N, C-alpha and C. Protein backbone atom coordinates (compact mmCIF):
# COMPACT_ATOMS: atom_id res chain seq x y z
N ILE A 1 10.18 -9.87 28.47
CA ILE A 1 10.04 -10.20 27.06
C ILE A 1 10.35 -8.95 26.26
N GLN A 2 11.24 -9.05 25.32
CA GLN A 2 11.61 -7.90 24.52
C GLN A 2 10.95 -7.91 23.15
N GLU A 3 10.39 -9.02 22.75
CA GLU A 3 9.79 -9.12 21.44
C GLU A 3 8.38 -8.54 21.45
N TYR A 4 7.89 -8.23 20.26
CA TYR A 4 6.52 -7.75 20.08
C TYR A 4 5.55 -8.85 20.48
N HIS A 5 4.55 -8.52 21.25
CA HIS A 5 3.56 -9.51 21.68
C HIS A 5 2.17 -9.01 21.31
N ALA A 6 1.52 -9.72 20.42
CA ALA A 6 0.24 -9.29 19.84
C ALA A 6 -0.86 -9.10 20.88
N GLU A 7 -0.78 -9.79 22.01
CA GLU A 7 -1.84 -9.73 23.02
C GLU A 7 -2.14 -8.30 23.46
N PHE A 8 -1.12 -7.47 23.52
CA PHE A 8 -1.32 -6.11 24.02
C PHE A 8 -1.72 -5.13 22.94
N TYR A 9 -1.40 -5.44 21.70
CA TYR A 9 -1.63 -4.47 20.63
C TYR A 9 -2.76 -4.86 19.68
N GLU A 10 -2.95 -6.14 19.47
CA GLU A 10 -3.95 -6.59 18.52
C GLU A 10 -4.70 -7.79 19.09
N PRO A 11 -5.63 -7.54 20.02
CA PRO A 11 -6.31 -8.64 20.71
C PRO A 11 -7.17 -9.52 19.80
N HIS A 12 -7.51 -9.05 18.58
CA HIS A 12 -8.32 -9.87 17.68
C HIS A 12 -7.59 -11.14 17.25
N TYR A 13 -6.26 -11.18 17.39
CA TYR A 13 -5.52 -12.40 17.06
C TYR A 13 -6.04 -13.59 17.87
N PHE A 14 -6.47 -13.34 19.10
CA PHE A 14 -6.94 -14.42 19.96
C PHE A 14 -8.33 -14.91 19.56
N GLU A 15 -9.04 -14.14 18.75
CA GLU A 15 -10.32 -14.59 18.21
C GLU A 15 -10.10 -15.45 16.97
N VAL A 16 -9.11 -15.09 16.16
CA VAL A 16 -8.85 -15.79 14.90
C VAL A 16 -8.07 -17.08 15.14
N ILE A 17 -7.08 -17.04 16.02
CA ILE A 17 -6.26 -18.21 16.32
C ILE A 17 -6.48 -18.60 17.77
N GLU A 18 -7.02 -19.77 17.99
CA GLU A 18 -7.30 -20.26 19.34
C GLU A 18 -6.07 -20.96 19.90
N GLY A 19 -5.78 -20.74 21.17
CA GLY A 19 -4.68 -21.42 21.82
C GLY A 19 -3.35 -20.71 21.72
N LEU A 20 -3.35 -19.44 21.32
CA LEU A 20 -2.09 -18.69 21.27
C LEU A 20 -1.50 -18.60 22.68
N PRO A 21 -0.19 -18.64 22.80
CA PRO A 21 0.41 -18.53 24.14
C PRO A 21 0.14 -17.16 24.74
N ARG A 22 -0.02 -17.14 26.04
CA ARG A 22 -0.27 -15.89 26.77
C ARG A 22 0.96 -15.53 27.60
N GLN A 23 1.11 -14.26 27.84
CA GLN A 23 2.20 -13.80 28.69
C GLN A 23 1.70 -13.77 30.13
N LYS A 24 2.53 -14.26 31.05
CA LYS A 24 2.16 -14.26 32.46
C LYS A 24 3.42 -13.99 33.27
N GLU A 25 3.42 -12.90 34.01
CA GLU A 25 4.53 -12.51 34.87
C GLU A 25 5.85 -12.45 34.11
N GLY A 26 5.82 -11.90 32.90
CA GLY A 26 7.03 -11.73 32.12
C GLY A 26 7.48 -12.93 31.32
N TYR A 27 6.71 -14.01 31.35
CA TYR A 27 7.05 -15.22 30.61
C TYR A 27 5.90 -15.61 29.70
N VAL A 28 6.22 -16.35 28.65
CA VAL A 28 5.18 -16.90 27.78
C VAL A 28 4.93 -18.32 28.24
N GLU A 29 3.67 -18.62 28.53
CA GLU A 29 3.32 -19.95 29.02
C GLU A 29 3.45 -20.99 27.91
N LEU A 30 3.94 -22.17 28.26
CA LEU A 30 4.04 -23.27 27.31
C LEU A 30 2.69 -23.94 27.13
N PRO A 31 2.40 -24.46 25.94
CA PRO A 31 1.13 -25.18 25.75
C PRO A 31 1.13 -26.47 26.56
N SER A 32 -0.05 -26.87 27.02
CA SER A 32 -0.15 -28.08 27.83
C SER A 32 -0.29 -29.33 26.97
N GLY A 33 -0.69 -29.19 25.72
CA GLY A 33 -0.87 -30.33 24.83
C GLY A 33 0.29 -30.50 23.88
N PRO A 34 0.15 -31.43 22.94
CA PRO A 34 1.21 -31.66 21.96
C PRO A 34 1.32 -30.53 20.94
N GLY A 35 2.50 -30.34 20.40
CA GLY A 35 2.71 -29.32 19.37
C GLY A 35 2.55 -27.92 19.91
N LEU A 36 2.22 -27.01 19.02
CA LEU A 36 2.04 -25.62 19.42
C LEU A 36 0.70 -25.40 20.12
N GLY A 37 -0.25 -26.28 19.89
CA GLY A 37 -1.54 -26.18 20.56
C GLY A 37 -2.42 -25.05 20.04
N ILE A 38 -2.22 -24.64 18.79
CA ILE A 38 -3.04 -23.56 18.24
C ILE A 38 -3.95 -24.09 17.15
N ARG A 39 -5.10 -23.43 16.98
CA ARG A 39 -6.08 -23.81 15.96
C ARG A 39 -6.63 -22.54 15.33
N LEU A 40 -6.86 -22.60 14.04
CA LEU A 40 -7.49 -21.51 13.32
C LEU A 40 -8.99 -21.59 13.56
N ASN A 41 -9.61 -20.50 13.93
CA ASN A 41 -11.06 -20.45 14.14
C ASN A 41 -11.73 -20.42 12.77
N GLU A 42 -12.00 -21.61 12.24
CA GLU A 42 -12.54 -21.71 10.89
C GLU A 42 -13.94 -21.12 10.77
N GLU A 43 -14.73 -21.21 11.82
CA GLU A 43 -16.08 -20.64 11.78
C GLU A 43 -16.00 -19.12 11.59
N LEU A 44 -15.11 -18.49 12.31
CA LEU A 44 -14.94 -17.04 12.17
C LEU A 44 -14.39 -16.70 10.79
N MET A 45 -13.41 -17.47 10.32
CA MET A 45 -12.83 -17.21 9.00
C MET A 45 -13.87 -17.41 7.89
N ASN A 46 -14.72 -18.42 8.01
CA ASN A 46 -15.74 -18.67 7.00
C ASN A 46 -16.83 -17.60 6.99
N SER A 47 -16.99 -16.89 8.10
CA SER A 47 -18.00 -15.83 8.15
C SER A 47 -17.51 -14.56 7.43
N HIS A 48 -16.25 -14.54 7.02
CA HIS A 48 -15.67 -13.42 6.28
C HIS A 48 -14.95 -13.98 5.05
N PRO A 49 -15.71 -14.42 4.04
CA PRO A 49 -15.07 -15.07 2.88
C PRO A 49 -14.22 -14.09 2.06
N TYR A 50 -13.28 -14.67 1.36
CA TYR A 50 -12.41 -13.89 0.47
C TYR A 50 -13.23 -13.35 -0.69
N LEU A 51 -13.09 -12.09 -0.97
CA LEU A 51 -13.77 -11.45 -2.09
C LEU A 51 -12.70 -10.94 -3.04
N PRO A 52 -12.53 -11.59 -4.19
CA PRO A 52 -11.49 -11.14 -5.11
C PRO A 52 -11.83 -9.76 -5.67
N LEU A 53 -10.82 -8.96 -5.84
CA LEU A 53 -10.99 -7.63 -6.42
C LEU A 53 -10.67 -7.71 -7.89
N GLY A 54 -11.51 -7.13 -8.71
CA GLY A 54 -11.27 -7.13 -10.14
C GLY A 54 -10.21 -6.12 -10.52
N VAL A 55 -9.67 -6.29 -11.68
CA VAL A 55 -8.67 -5.35 -12.20
C VAL A 55 -9.42 -4.15 -12.76
N SER A 56 -8.99 -2.97 -12.39
CA SER A 56 -9.66 -1.77 -12.89
C SER A 56 -9.29 -1.53 -14.35
N GLU A 57 -9.96 -0.59 -14.95
CA GLU A 57 -9.69 -0.27 -16.35
C GLU A 57 -8.26 0.22 -16.56
N ARG A 58 -7.69 0.83 -15.52
CA ARG A 58 -6.32 1.32 -15.63
C ARG A 58 -5.30 0.21 -15.40
N GLY A 59 -5.76 -0.98 -15.03
CA GLY A 59 -4.84 -2.08 -14.79
C GLY A 59 -4.19 -2.07 -13.43
N ILE A 60 -4.77 -1.31 -12.52
CA ILE A 60 -4.21 -1.22 -11.17
C ILE A 60 -5.00 -2.10 -10.24
């Protein structure tokens, strides 16, 4: 595999997105179910809600 593969560099991706394909013996395994077979871990995402940042006095 010549492309960037998050599994080796950023393992937290597998906590946020469930069902990401894994590399095995130089190949990426196909999902066993329909479609891409991935799901967003909504419980984890909801535990870190979006906090909007206000505009500073300088407008930055």
